[in-house]
Amino acid sequence: MPHVLCIDLDRARAPWLPPDCTDALHAQVFAWLRIADSRQAQQVHDRGQSPGDLRTVQSGGEDASMLPATRFPVFTVGSANTDIPRHRSRIRPRADGYIINVLPSDERFFQLLTEGMHSAAEQSEAGTYVVQVNGIDVPMRSAPVVMHEAEGSYDDLFQRASDDRRIRLRFTTPAFFSSGTGKQQVFQRLPDPVRVFRGYADRWNAFAPPDQHFDAVAFAKWVEQTVEIADMRLHMHRQVLKQRDAHDERTVHIGFVGDVTYGLAHHARHSQSAEVRMGVRWLNVLAHYAEFCGTGRMAAQGFGQTWRMFDEE
């Protein structure tokens, strides 16, 4: 099942910490995996960057051509210093909190990660949980905490999904989409229903067990014909990445942040057809899954963190 871990660094004991430690957390996750299972860690490192290799890691090597040409990291890391709904969280992250979204359906992956964390703590000179930043061990305020986890397996997520026909999502870090590459790359910075939910569907199929896969192309077509934006309160946010590119220039990304409510178009709003009922079921499944997989491009770097919201929130 998917999990969300929170890592809370102790800046008081390491005031020199850079503003963004996301890259260090990425490296640390691989270090924890290596402690528990070096072979698995190497597989994730070597193969987890492309769709075909990811399918090899997750599902035993089926035809990679079935996967979209998009990177689906096995885990993502982002800042937890965002507006996380209180009922989703077992803790309230502090200013130096980071979240690690663990997506694979194989529970052993999560077990290896936590096993590596505990072993590293036992082996550290301080005898406590640490994250290595710029070659120096930085202590955590406490042991890593499971901040949020799916209630059951991927099948359980589907079986327990509600049938709400209005779905509100909150994007707490900038989300954006793009198509093309290089000079032909085009950025899209609006929460188009097709782009949003097709992205969730592709990530679901990348990580769910094979018997839980569904036709993401047909679903996207249904979304295009049926789902509309009923309300939105958004603003654009500029995010400067700390790492530098080949030209030694900082990279700036612009994305949307805020709340969006999706609903059904008038012709389907009250329909009880099997097609509409199944489409609504998948909308609700994927809206919940969004809390683990994120929205749009660069989710591995913390962009597009997403939470499903309800009327009382």
C-alpha atoms as a PDB file:
ATOM      1  CA  MET A   1       0.000   0.000   0.000  1.00  0.00           C
ATOM      2  CA  PRO A   2       1.152   3.607  -0.471  1.00  0.00           C
ATOM      3  CA  HIS A   3       2.639   5.423   2.529  1.00  0.00           C
ATOM      4  CA  VAL A   4       3.705   8.946   3.410  1.00  0.00           C
ATOM      5  CA  LEU A   5       6.640   9.262   5.837  1.00  0.00           C
ATOM      6  CA  CYS A   6       7.667  12.482   7.553  1.00  0.00           C
ATOM      7  CA  ILE A   7      11.320  13.267   8.254  1.00  0.00           C
ATOM      8  CA  ASP A   8      11.784  16.207  10.642  1.00  0.00           C
ATOM      9  CA  LEU A   9      15.329  17.616  10.654  1.00  0.00           C
ATOM     10  CA  ASP A  10      16.725  19.383  13.713  1.00  0.00           C
ATOM     11  CA  ARG A  11      17.931  22.740  12.395  1.00  0.00           C
ATOM     12  CA  ALA A  12      18.693  23.917  15.928  1.00  0.00           C
ATOM     13  CA  ARG A  13      21.553  21.399  16.007  1.00  0.00           C
ATOM     14  CA  ALA A  14      22.567  22.143  12.413  1.00  0.00           C
ATOM     15  CA  PRO A  15      21.936  25.845  11.717  1.00  0.00           C
ATOM     16  CA  TRP A  16      24.044  25.654   8.553  1.00  0.00           C
ATOM     17  CA  LEU A  17      21.438  23.510   6.773  1.00  0.00           C
ATOM     18  CA  PRO A  18      20.600  24.750   3.258  1.00  0.00           C
ATOM     19  CA  PRO A  19      17.027  25.941   2.708  1.00  0.00           C
ATOM     20  CA  ASP A  20      16.169  22.895   0.600  1.00  0.00           C
ATOM     21  CA  CYS A  21      17.399  19.420   1.570  1.00  0.00           C
ATOM     22  CA  THR A  22      15.338  17.482  -0.972  1.00  0.00           C
ATOM     23  CA  ASP A  23      18.376  16.170  -2.884  1.00  0.00           C
ATOM     24  CA  ALA A  24      19.976  14.990   0.356  1.00  0.00           C
ATOM     25  CA  LEU A  25      16.776  13.122   1.271  1.00  0.00           C
ATOM     26  CA  HIS A  26      16.757  11.394  -2.126  1.00  0.00           C
ATOM     27  CA  ALA A  27      20.304  10.166  -1.539  1.00  0.00           C
ATOM     28  CA  GLN A  28      19.458   9.158   2.017  1.00  0.00           C
ATOM     29  CA  VAL A  29      16.542   6.987   0.910  1.00  0.00           C
ATOM     30  CA  PHE A  30      18.872   5.028  -1.356  1.00  0.00           C
ATOM     31  CA  ALA A  31      21.347   4.723   1.527  1.00  0.00           C
ATOM     32  CA  TRP A  32      18.648   3.291   3.793  1.00  0.00           C
ATOM     33  CA  LEU A  33      17.600   0.829   1.100  1.00  0.00           C
ATOM     34  CA  ARG A  34      21.210  -0.256   0.573  1.00  0.00           C
ATOM     35  CA  ILE A  35      21.564  -1.065   4.262  1.00  0.00           C
ATOM     36  CA  ALA A  36      18.505  -3.321   4.148  1.00  0.00           C
ATOM     37  CA  ASP A  37      18.950  -4.833   0.672  1.00  0.00           C
ATOM     38  CA  SER A  38      21.764  -3.563  -1.531  1.00  0.00           C
ATOM     39  CA  ARG A  39      20.519  -5.428  -4.596  1.00  0.00           C
ATOM     40  CA  GLN A  40      17.029  -3.941  -4.379  1.00  0.00           C
ATOM     41  CA  ALA A  41      18.479  -0.472  -3.815  1.00  0.00           C
ATOM     42  CA  GLN A  42      20.657  -0.795  -6.908  1.00  0.00           C
ATOM     43  CA  GLN A  43      17.659  -1.939  -8.963  1.00  0.00           C
ATOM     44  CA  VAL A  44      15.627   1.062  -7.869  1.00  0.00           C
ATOM     45  CA  HIS A  45      18.550   3.396  -8.531  1.00  0.00           C
ATOM     46  CA  ASP A  46      19.369   1.966 -11.955  1.00  0.00           C
ATOM     47  CA  ARG A  47      15.902   1.135 -13.218  1.00  0.00           C
ATOM     48  CA  GLY A  48      13.498   3.405 -11.401  1.00  0.00           C
ATOM     49  CA  GLN A  49      14.075   6.357 -13.747  1.00  0.00           C
ATOM     50  CA  SER A  50      12.331   5.106 -16.865  1.00  0.00           C
ATOM     51  CA  PRO A  51       8.886   3.545 -17.403  1.00  0.00           C
ATOM     52  CA  GLY A  52      10.201   0.331 -18.930  1.00  0.00           C
ATOM     53  CA  ASP A  53      12.699  -0.296 -16.175  1.00  0.00           C
ATOM     54  CA  LEU A  54      10.150   0.603 -13.544  1.00  0.00           C
ATOM     55  CA  ARG A  55       7.789  -2.017 -14.919  1.00  0.00           C
ATOM     56  CA  THR A  56      10.650  -4.506 -14.659  1.00  0.00           C
ATOM     57  CA  VAL A  57      11.170  -3.653 -11.005  1.00  0.00           C
ATOM     58  CA  GLN A  58       7.492  -3.685 -10.084  1.00  0.00           C
ATOM     59  CA  SER A  59       5.861  -6.368 -12.155  1.00  0.00           C
ATOM     60  CA  GLY A  60       8.503  -8.805 -13.304  1.00  0.00           C
ATOM     61  CA  GLY A  61       9.256  -7.398 -16.737  1.00  0.00           C
ATOM     62  CA  GLU A  62       6.060  -7.138 -18.750  1.00  0.00           C
ATOM     63  CA  ASP A  63       6.042  -5.280 -22.057  1.00  0.00           C
ATOM     64  CA  ALA A  64       7.363  -1.794 -21.302  1.00  0.00           C
ATOM     65  CA  SER A  65       5.583  -0.367 -24.331  1.00  0.00           C
ATOM     66  CA  MET A  66       2.341  -0.443 -22.356  1.00  0.00           C
ATOM     67  CA  LEU A  67       3.586   2.345 -20.121  1.00  0.00           C
ATOM     68  CA  PRO A  68       3.451   6.046 -21.025  1.00  0.00           C
ATOM     69  CA  ALA A  69       6.644   7.938 -21.746  1.00  0.00           C
ATOM     70  CA  THR A  70       6.721   9.582 -18.353  1.00  0.00           C
ATOM     71  CA  ARG A  71       9.034   9.108 -15.373  1.00  0.00           C
ATOM     72  CA  PHE A  72       7.360   7.502 -12.384  1.00  0.00           C
ATOM     73  CA  PRO A  73       9.784   7.465  -9.446  1.00  0.00           C
ATOM     74  CA  VAL A  74       9.346   4.652  -6.956  1.00  0.00           C
ATOM     75  CA  PHE A  75       9.353   7.274  -4.216  1.00  0.00           C
ATOM     76  CA  THR A  76       9.113  11.053  -4.096  1.00  0.00           C
ATOM     77  CA  VAL A  77      10.502  13.600  -1.648  1.00  0.00           C
ATOM     78  CA  GLY A  78       9.123  17.040  -0.922  1.00  0.00           C
ATOM     79  CA  SER A  79       8.773  19.644   1.790  1.00  0.00           C
ATOM     80  CA  ALA A  80       6.127  18.955   4.421  1.00  0.00           C
ATOM     81  CA  ASN A  81       5.899  22.643   5.264  1.00  0.00           C
ATOM     82  CA  THR A  82       2.594  22.933   3.400  1.00  0.00           C
ATOM     83  CA  ASP A  83      -1.085  23.102   4.233  1.00  0.00           C
ATOM     84  CA  ILE A  84      -1.662  19.437   5.051  1.00  0.00           C
ATOM     85  CA  PRO A  85      -5.213  18.715   6.240  1.00  0.00           C
ATOM     86  CA  ARG A  86      -5.100  18.062   9.962  1.00  0.00           C
ATOM     87  CA  HIS A  87      -7.096  14.850   9.853  1.00  0.00           C
ATOM     88  CA  ARG A  88      -4.639  13.368   7.308  1.00  0.00           C
ATOM     89  CA  SER A  89      -1.631  13.788   9.548  1.00  0.00           C
ATOM     90  CA  ARG A  90      -0.514  12.051  12.718  1.00  0.00           C
ATOM     91  CA  ILE A  91       1.928  14.884  13.332  1.00  0.00           C
ATOM     92  CA  ARG A  92       2.204  18.509  12.381  1.00  0.00           C
ATOM     93  CA  PRO A  93       5.455  18.930  10.411  1.00  0.00           C
ATOM     94  CA  ARG A  94       7.752  21.724  11.508  1.00  0.00           C
ATOM     95  CA  ALA A  95       9.636  24.105   9.254  1.00  0.00           C
ATOM     96  CA  ASP A  96      12.263  21.507   8.358  1.00  0.00           C
ATOM     97  CA  GLY A  97       9.869  18.620   7.757  1.00  0.00           C
ATOM     98  CA  TYR A  98      10.081  16.566   4.572  1.00  0.00           C
ATOM     99  CA  ILE A  99       7.706  13.944   3.290  1.00  0.00           C
ATOM    100  CA  ILE A 100       8.607  10.764   1.441  1.00  0.00           C
ATOM    101  CA  ASN A 101       5.800   9.268  -0.656  1.00  0.00           C
ATOM    102  CA  VAL A 102       6.321   5.515  -1.113  1.00  0.00           C
ATOM    103  CA  LEU A 103       4.159   4.196  -3.968  1.00  0.00           C
ATOM    104  CA  PRO A 104       4.894   0.511  -4.781  1.00  0.00           C
ATOM    105  CA  SER A 105       2.146  -2.007  -4.089  1.00  0.00           C
ATOM    106  CA  ASP A 106       4.761  -4.440  -2.777  1.00  0.00           C
ATOM    107  CA  GLU A 107       4.707  -3.983   1.007  1.00  0.00           C
ATOM    108  CA  ARG A 108       8.253  -5.358   1.169  1.00  0.00           C
ATOM    109  CA  PHE A 109       9.620  -2.149  -0.351  1.00  0.00           C
ATOM    110  CA  PHE A 110       8.277  -0.086   2.533  1.00  0.00           C
ATOM    111  CA  GLN A 111       9.499  -2.672   5.042  1.00  0.00           C
ATOM    112  CA  LEU A 112      13.011  -2.527   3.564  1.00  0.00           C
ATOM    113  CA  LEU A 113      13.010   1.253   3.752  1.00  0.00           C
ATOM    114  CA  THR A 114      11.986   1.354   7.410  1.00  0.00           C
ATOM    115  CA  GLU A 115      14.338  -1.511   8.260  1.00  0.00           C
ATOM    116  CA  GLY A 116      17.216   0.443   6.731  1.00  0.00           C
ATOM    117  CA  MET A 117      16.236   3.541   8.720  1.00  0.00           C
ATOM    118  CA  HIS A 118      16.289   1.659  12.007  1.00  0.00           C
ATOM    119  CA  SER A 119      19.565  -0.100  11.220  1.00  0.00           C
ATOM    120  CA  ALA A 120      21.194   3.201  10.247  1.00  0.00           C
ATOM    121  CA  ALA A 121      20.102   4.751  13.537  1.00  0.00           C
ATOM    122  CA  GLU A 122      21.658   1.881  15.478  1.00  0.00           C
ATOM    123  CA  GLN A 123      24.899   2.211  13.526  1.00  0.00           C
ATOM    124  CA  SER A 124      25.207   6.005  13.763  1.00  0.00           C
ATOM    125  CA  GLU A 125      27.730   7.506  16.162  1.00  0.00           C
ATOM    126  CA  ALA A 126      24.979   9.421  17.916  1.00  0.00           C
ATOM    127  CA  GLY A 127      22.804   6.329  18.147  1.00  0.00           C
ATOM    128  CA  THR A 128      19.874   8.208  16.667  1.00  0.00           C
ATOM    129  CA  TYR A 129      18.171   8.875  13.350  1.00  0.00           C
ATOM    130  CA  VAL A 130      20.227  11.082  11.047  1.00  0.00           C
ATOM    131  CA  VAL A 131      20.195  12.359   7.477  1.00  0.00           C
ATOM    132  CA  GLN A 132      23.481  13.030   5.734  1.00  0.00           C
ATOM    133  CA  VAL A 133      23.593  16.541   4.245  1.00  0.00           C
ATOM    134  CA  ASN A 134      26.781  17.691   2.511  1.00  0.00           C
ATOM    135  CA  GLY A 135      28.645  14.781   4.080  1.00  0.00           C
ATOM    136  CA  ILE A 136      27.601  15.657   7.649  1.00  0.00           C
ATOM    137  CA  ASP A 137      25.105  13.705   9.756  1.00  0.00           C
ATOM    138  CA  VAL A 138      22.125  15.888  10.709  1.00  0.00           C
ATOM    139  CA  PRO A 139      19.952  14.482  13.507  1.00  0.00           C
ATOM    140  CA  MET A 140      16.193  14.246  13.221  1.00  0.00           C
ATOM    141  CA  ARG A 141      13.948  15.638  15.933  1.00  0.00           C
ATOM    142  CA  SER A 142      12.417  12.167  16.310  1.00  0.00           C
ATOM    143  CA  ALA A 143      12.103   8.835  14.545  1.00  0.00           C
ATOM    144  CA  PRO A 144      10.519   8.958  11.074  1.00  0.00           C
ATOM    145  CA  VAL A 145       6.738   8.943  11.399  1.00  0.00           C
ATOM    146  CA  VAL A 146       4.120   7.453   9.091  1.00  0.00           C
ATOM    147  CA  MET A 147       2.150  10.624   8.512  1.00  0.00           C
ATOM    148  CA  HIS A 148      -0.416   9.105   6.201  1.00  0.00           C
ATOM    149  CA  GLU A 149      -1.037   5.681   4.716  1.00  0.00           C
ATOM    150  CA  ALA A 150      -3.603   4.076   2.471  1.00  0.00           C
ATOM    151  CA  GLU A 151      -6.148   2.034   4.360  1.00  0.00           C
ATOM    152  CA  GLY A 152      -5.424  -1.310   2.802  1.00  0.00           C
ATOM    153  CA  SER A 153      -4.216  -2.546  -0.569  1.00  0.00           C
ATOM    154  CA  TYR A 154      -4.750  -1.050  -4.003  1.00  0.00           C
ATOM    155  CA  ASP A 155      -7.820  -3.259  -4.307  1.00  0.00           C
ATOM    156  CA  ASP A 156      -9.117  -1.891  -1.006  1.00  0.00           C
ATOM    157  CA  LEU A 157      -8.669   1.669  -2.298  1.00  0.00           C
ATOM    158  CA  PHE A 158     -10.916   0.787  -5.219  1.00  0.00           C
ATOM    159  CA  GLN A 159     -13.518  -1.159  -3.241  1.00  0.00           C
ATOM    160  CA  ARG A 160     -13.866   1.532  -0.551  1.00  0.00           C
ATOM    161  CA  ALA A 161     -14.064   4.490  -2.919  1.00  0.00           C
ATOM    162  CA  SER A 162     -17.011   6.812  -2.508  1.00  0.00           C
ATOM    163  CA  ASP A 163     -19.379   7.870  -5.287  1.00  0.00           C
ATOM    164  CA  ASP A 164     -19.085  11.648  -4.841  1.00  0.00           C
ATOM    165  CA  ARG A 165     -19.795  13.563  -8.027  1.00  0.00           C
ATOM    166  CA  ARG A 166     -18.011  16.721  -6.892  1.00  0.00           C
ATOM    167  CA  ILE A 167     -14.361  16.345  -5.925  1.00  0.00           C
ATOM    168  CA  ARG A 168     -12.219  19.091  -4.426  1.00  0.00           C
ATOM    169  CA  LEU A 169      -8.436  18.860  -4.617  1.00  0.00           C
ATOM    170  CA  ARG A 170      -5.945  21.139  -2.896  1.00  0.00           C
ATOM    171  CA  PHE A 171      -2.591  21.648  -4.589  1.00  0.00           C
ATOM    172  CA  THR A 172      -0.202  22.709  -1.839  1.00  0.00           C
ATOM    173  CA  THR A 173       2.959  23.037  -3.939  1.00  0.00           C
ATOM    174  CA  PRO A 174       3.177  24.305  -7.545  1.00  0.00           C
ATOM    175  CA  ALA A 175       1.751  21.895 -10.115  1.00  0.00           C
ATOM    176  CA  PHE A 176       2.295  22.099 -13.860  1.00  0.00           C
ATOM    177  CA  PHE A 177       2.303  19.943 -16.972  1.00  0.00           C
ATOM    178  CA  SER A 178       4.372  19.955 -20.128  1.00  0.00           C
ATOM    179  CA  SER A 179       4.601  18.293 -23.506  1.00  0.00           C
ATOM    180  CA  GLY A 180       7.448  18.058 -25.982  1.00  0.00           C
ATOM    181  CA  THR A 181      11.143  18.389 -25.217  1.00  0.00           C
ATOM    182  CA  GLY A 182      13.909  20.913 -25.629  1.00  0.00           C
ATOM    183  CA  LYS A 183      12.966  23.993 -27.643  1.00  0.00           C
ATOM    184  CA  GLN A 184       9.641  22.344 -28.506  1.00  0.00           C
ATOM    185  CA  GLN A 185       8.598  21.959 -24.875  1.00  0.00           C
ATOM    186  CA  VAL A 186       5.267  23.579 -24.001  1.00  0.00           C
ATOM    187  CA  PHE A 187       4.188  24.180 -20.391  1.00  0.00           C
ATOM    188  CA  GLN A 188       0.588  24.037 -19.213  1.00  0.00           C
ATOM    189  CA  ARG A 189      -0.183  25.668 -15.869  1.00  0.00           C
ATOM    190  CA  LEU A 190      -3.910  25.090 -15.424  1.00  0.00           C
ATOM    191  CA  PRO A 191      -5.657  22.127 -13.726  1.00  0.00           C
ATOM    192  CA  ASP A 192      -7.202  20.655 -16.864  1.00  0.00           C
ATOM    193  CA  PRO A 193      -9.312  17.629 -15.779  1.00  0.00           C
ATOM    194  CA  VAL A 194      -7.900  15.349 -18.461  1.00  0.00           C
ATOM    195  CA  ARG A 195      -4.252  16.117 -17.666  1.00  0.00           C
ATOM    196  CA  VAL A 196      -4.830  15.877 -13.917  1.00  0.00           C
ATOM    197  CA  PHE A 197      -6.742  12.589 -13.823  1.00  0.00           C
ATOM    198  CA  ARG A 198      -4.887  10.944 -16.712  1.00  0.00           C
ATOM    199  CA  GLY A 199      -1.693  11.546 -14.759  1.00  0.00           C
ATOM    200  CA  TYR A 200      -3.127   9.799 -11.707  1.00  0.00           C
ATOM    201  CA  ALA A 201      -4.389   6.922 -13.848  1.00  0.00           C
ATOM    202  CA  ASP A 202      -0.983   6.369 -15.447  1.00  0.00           C
ATOM    203  CA  ARG A 203       0.726   6.355 -12.059  1.00  0.00           C
ATOM    204  CA  TRP A 204      -1.875   3.968 -10.674  1.00  0.00           C
ATOM    205  CA  ASN A 205      -1.190   1.550 -13.534  1.00  0.00           C
ATOM    206  CA  ALA A 206       2.563   1.908 -13.014  1.00  0.00           C
ATOM    207  CA  PHE A 207       2.424   0.852  -9.352  1.00  0.00           C
ATOM    208  CA  ALA A 208      -0.766  -1.146  -8.767  1.00  0.00           C
ATOM    209  CA  PRO A 209      -0.660  -4.935  -9.156  1.00  0.00           C
ATOM    210  CA  PRO A 210      -1.375  -6.023 -12.754  1.00  0.00           C
ATOM    211  CA  ASP A 211      -4.854  -7.298 -11.860  1.00  0.00           C
ATOM    212  CA  GLN A 212      -5.760  -3.779 -10.683  1.00  0.00           C
ATOM    213  CA  HIS A 213      -4.817  -2.019 -13.923  1.00  0.00           C
ATOM    214  CA  PHE A 214      -7.490  -0.346 -16.037  1.00  0.00           C
ATOM    215  CA  ASP A 215      -7.767   1.369 -19.434  1.00  0.00           C
ATOM    216  CA  ALA A 216      -6.335   4.825 -18.749  1.00  0.00           C
ATOM    217  CA  VAL A 217      -6.844   5.939 -22.363  1.00  0.00           C
ATOM    218  CA  ALA A 218     -10.565   5.146 -22.333  1.00  0.00           C
ATOM    219  CA  PHE A 219     -10.902   6.752 -18.904  1.00  0.00           C
ATOM    220  CA  ALA A 220      -9.186   9.939 -20.119  1.00  0.00           C
ATOM    221  CA  LYS A 221     -11.609  10.072 -23.056  1.00  0.00           C
ATOM    222  CA  TRP A 222     -14.544   9.771 -20.635  1.00  0.00           C
ATOM    223  CA  VAL A 223     -13.086  12.554 -18.473  1.00  0.00           C
ATOM    224  CA  GLU A 224     -12.709  14.776 -21.525  1.00  0.00           C
ATOM    225  CA  GLN A 225     -16.381  14.319 -22.414  1.00  0.00           C
ATOM    226  CA  THR A 226     -17.828  14.347 -18.899  1.00  0.00           C
ATOM    227  CA  VAL A 227     -15.763  16.165 -16.256  1.00  0.00           C
ATOM    228  CA  GLU A 228     -15.573  19.934 -15.883  1.00  0.00           C
ATOM    229  CA  ILE A 229     -14.137  22.449 -13.430  1.00  0.00           C
ATOM    230  CA  ALA A 230     -17.000  23.534 -11.159  1.00  0.00           C
ATOM    231  CA  ASP A 231     -14.984  25.982  -9.064  1.00  0.00           C
ATOM    232  CA  MET A 232     -11.386  26.973  -8.464  1.00  0.00           C
ATOM    233  CA  ARG A 233      -9.399  29.336  -6.310  1.00  0.00           C
ATOM    234  CA  LEU A 234      -5.860  29.337  -7.598  1.00  0.00           C
ATOM    235  CA  HIS A 235      -2.804  31.497  -7.843  1.00  0.00           C
ATOM    236  CA  MET A 236       0.470  31.067  -9.690  1.00  0.00           C
ATOM    237  CA  HIS A 237       3.616  30.386  -7.687  1.00  0.00           C
ATOM    238  CA  ARG A 238       7.245  30.637  -8.812  1.00  0.00           C
ATOM    239  CA  GLN A 239       9.594  27.998  -7.409  1.00  0.00           C
ATOM    240  CA  VAL A 240      13.368  28.360  -7.793  1.00  0.00           C
ATOM    241  CA  LEU A 241      15.257  25.082  -7.705  1.00  0.00           C
ATOM    242  CA  LYS A 242      18.472  25.245  -5.715  1.00  0.00           C
ATOM    243  CA  GLN A 243      20.495  23.050  -8.033  1.00  0.00           C
ATOM    244  CA  ARG A 244      22.004  24.678 -11.118  1.00  0.00           C
ATOM    245  CA  ASP A 245      21.781  23.562 -14.707  1.00  0.00           C
ATOM    246  CA  ALA A 246      24.529  23.053 -17.266  1.00  0.00           C
ATOM    247  CA  HIS A 247      24.743  26.812 -17.857  1.00  0.00           C
ATOM    248  CA  ASP A 248      25.145  27.493 -14.150  1.00  0.00           C
ATOM    249  CA  GLU A 249      21.767  29.201 -13.949  1.00  0.00           C
ATOM    250  CA  ARG A 250      19.049  28.583 -11.398  1.00  0.00           C
ATOM    251  CA  THR A 251      15.941  26.880 -12.753  1.00  0.00           C
ATOM    252  CA  VAL A 252      12.568  28.554 -12.162  1.00  0.00           C
ATOM    253  CA  HIS A 253       9.279  26.673 -12.461  1.00  0.00           C
ATOM    254  CA  ILE A 254       5.829  28.236 -12.317  1.00  0.00           C
ATOM    255  CA  GLY A 255       2.794  26.234 -11.243  1.00  0.00           C
ATOM    256  CA  PHE A 256      -0.700  26.590  -9.850  1.00  0.00           C
ATOM    257  CA  VAL A 257      -1.459  26.380  -6.118  1.00  0.00           C
ATOM    258  CA  GLY A 258      -4.877  26.330  -4.439  1.00  0.00           C
ATOM    259  CA  ASP A 259      -8.224  24.522  -4.556  1.00  0.00           C
ATOM    260  CA  VAL A 260     -10.080  23.104  -7.565  1.00  0.00           C
ATOM    261  CA  THR A 261     -13.498  21.457  -7.541  1.00  0.00           C
ATOM    262  CA  TYR A 262     -14.282  19.015 -10.337  1.00  0.00           C
ATOM    263  CA  GLY A 263     -17.837  17.993 -11.216  1.00  0.00           C
ATOM    264  CA  LEU A 264     -19.807  16.249 -13.921  1.00  0.00           C
ATOM    265  CA  ALA A 265     -21.174  18.078 -16.930  1.00  0.00           C
ATOM    266  CA  HIS A 266     -24.922  18.658 -17.037  1.00  0.00           C
ATOM    267  CA  HIS A 267     -25.671  15.699 -19.314  1.00  0.00           C
ATOM    268  CA  ALA A 268     -24.063  13.249 -16.855  1.00  0.00           C
ATOM    269  CA  ARG A 269     -24.758  14.930 -13.526  1.00  0.00           C
ATOM    270  CA  HIS A 270     -27.725  12.729 -12.640  1.00  0.00           C
ATOM    271  CA  SER A 271     -27.010   9.790 -14.920  1.00  0.00           C
ATOM    272  CA  GLN A 272     -27.047   6.317 -13.401  1.00  0.00           C
ATOM    273  CA  SER A 273     -25.594   4.557 -16.423  1.00  0.00           C
ATOM    274  CA  ALA A 274     -22.936   1.928 -15.790  1.00  0.00           C
ATOM    275  CA  GLU A 275     -20.366   4.007 -17.666  1.00  0.00           C
ATOM    276  CA  VAL A 276     -20.948   7.084 -15.516  1.00  0.00           C
ATOM    277  CA  ARG A 277     -21.036   5.111 -12.267  1.00  0.00           C
ATOM    278  CA  MET A 278     -17.704   3.435 -13.096  1.00  0.00           C
ATOM    279  CA  GLY A 279     -16.168   6.717 -14.191  1.00  0.00           C
ATOM    280  CA  VAL A 280     -17.247   8.358 -10.942  1.00  0.00           C
ATOM    281  CA  ARG A 281     -15.784   5.439  -8.994  1.00  0.00           C
ATOM    282  CA  TRP A 282     -12.397   5.930 -10.662  1.00  0.00           C
ATOM    283  CA  LEU A 283     -12.524   9.696 -10.122  1.00  0.00           C
ATOM    284  CA  ASN A 284     -12.872   9.065  -6.391  1.00  0.00           C
ATOM    285  CA  VAL A 285     -10.218   6.337  -6.331  1.00  0.00           C
ATOM    286  CA  LEU A 286      -7.689   8.537  -8.101  1.00  0.00           C
ATOM    287  CA  ALA A 287      -8.545  11.644  -6.082  1.00  0.00           C
ATOM    288  CA  HIS A 288      -7.506   9.711  -2.977  1.00  0.00           C
ATOM    289  CA  TYR A 289      -4.464   8.242  -4.724  1.00  0.00           C
ATOM    290  CA  ALA A 290      -3.342  11.768  -5.644  1.00  0.00           C
ATOM    291  CA  GLU A 291      -2.339  12.255  -2.002  1.00  0.00           C
ATOM    292  CA  PHE A 292       0.423   9.718  -2.564  1.00  0.00           C
ATOM    293  CA  CYS A 293       1.467  10.172  -6.200  1.00  0.00           C
ATOM    294  CA  GLY A 294       1.236  13.954  -6.640  1.00  0.00           C
ATOM    295  CA  THR A 295       0.110  15.959  -9.674  1.00  0.00           C
ATOM    296  CA  GLY A 296       1.919  16.861 -12.866  1.00  0.00           C
ATOM    297  CA  ARG A 297       5.608  17.142 -13.618  1.00  0.00           C
ATOM    298  CA  MET A 298       8.540  16.850 -11.191  1.00  0.00           C
ATOM    299  CA  ALA A 299       6.595  15.186  -8.392  1.00  0.00           C
ATOM    300  CA  ALA A 300       9.873  13.572  -7.333  1.00  0.00           C
ATOM    301  CA  GLN A 301      11.177  17.037  -6.475  1.00  0.00           C
ATOM    302  CA  GLY A 302       8.140  17.905  -4.362  1.00  0.00           C
ATOM    303  CA  PHE A 303       6.049  19.680  -6.999  1.00  0.00           C
ATOM    304  CA  GLY A 304       2.317  19.008  -7.236  1.00  0.00           C
ATOM    305  CA  GLN A 305       1.671  17.810  -3.683  1.00  0.00           C
ATOM    306  CA  THR A 306      -2.053  17.179  -3.572  1.00  0.00           C
ATOM    307  CA  TRP A 307      -4.719  16.516  -0.941  1.00  0.00           C
ATOM    308  CA  ARG A 308      -8.362  15.666  -1.325  1.00  0.00           C
ATOM    309  CA  MET A 309     -10.584  18.053   0.603  1.00  0.00           C
ATOM    310  CA  PHE A 310     -14.136  17.737   1.866  1.00  0.00           C
ATOM    311  CA  ASP A 311     -16.863  20.266   2.569  1.00  0.00           C
ATOM    312  CA  GLU A 312     -16.031  20.645   6.251  1.00  0.00           C
ATOM    313  CA  GLU A 313     -12.363  21.473   5.523  1.00  0.00           C
END
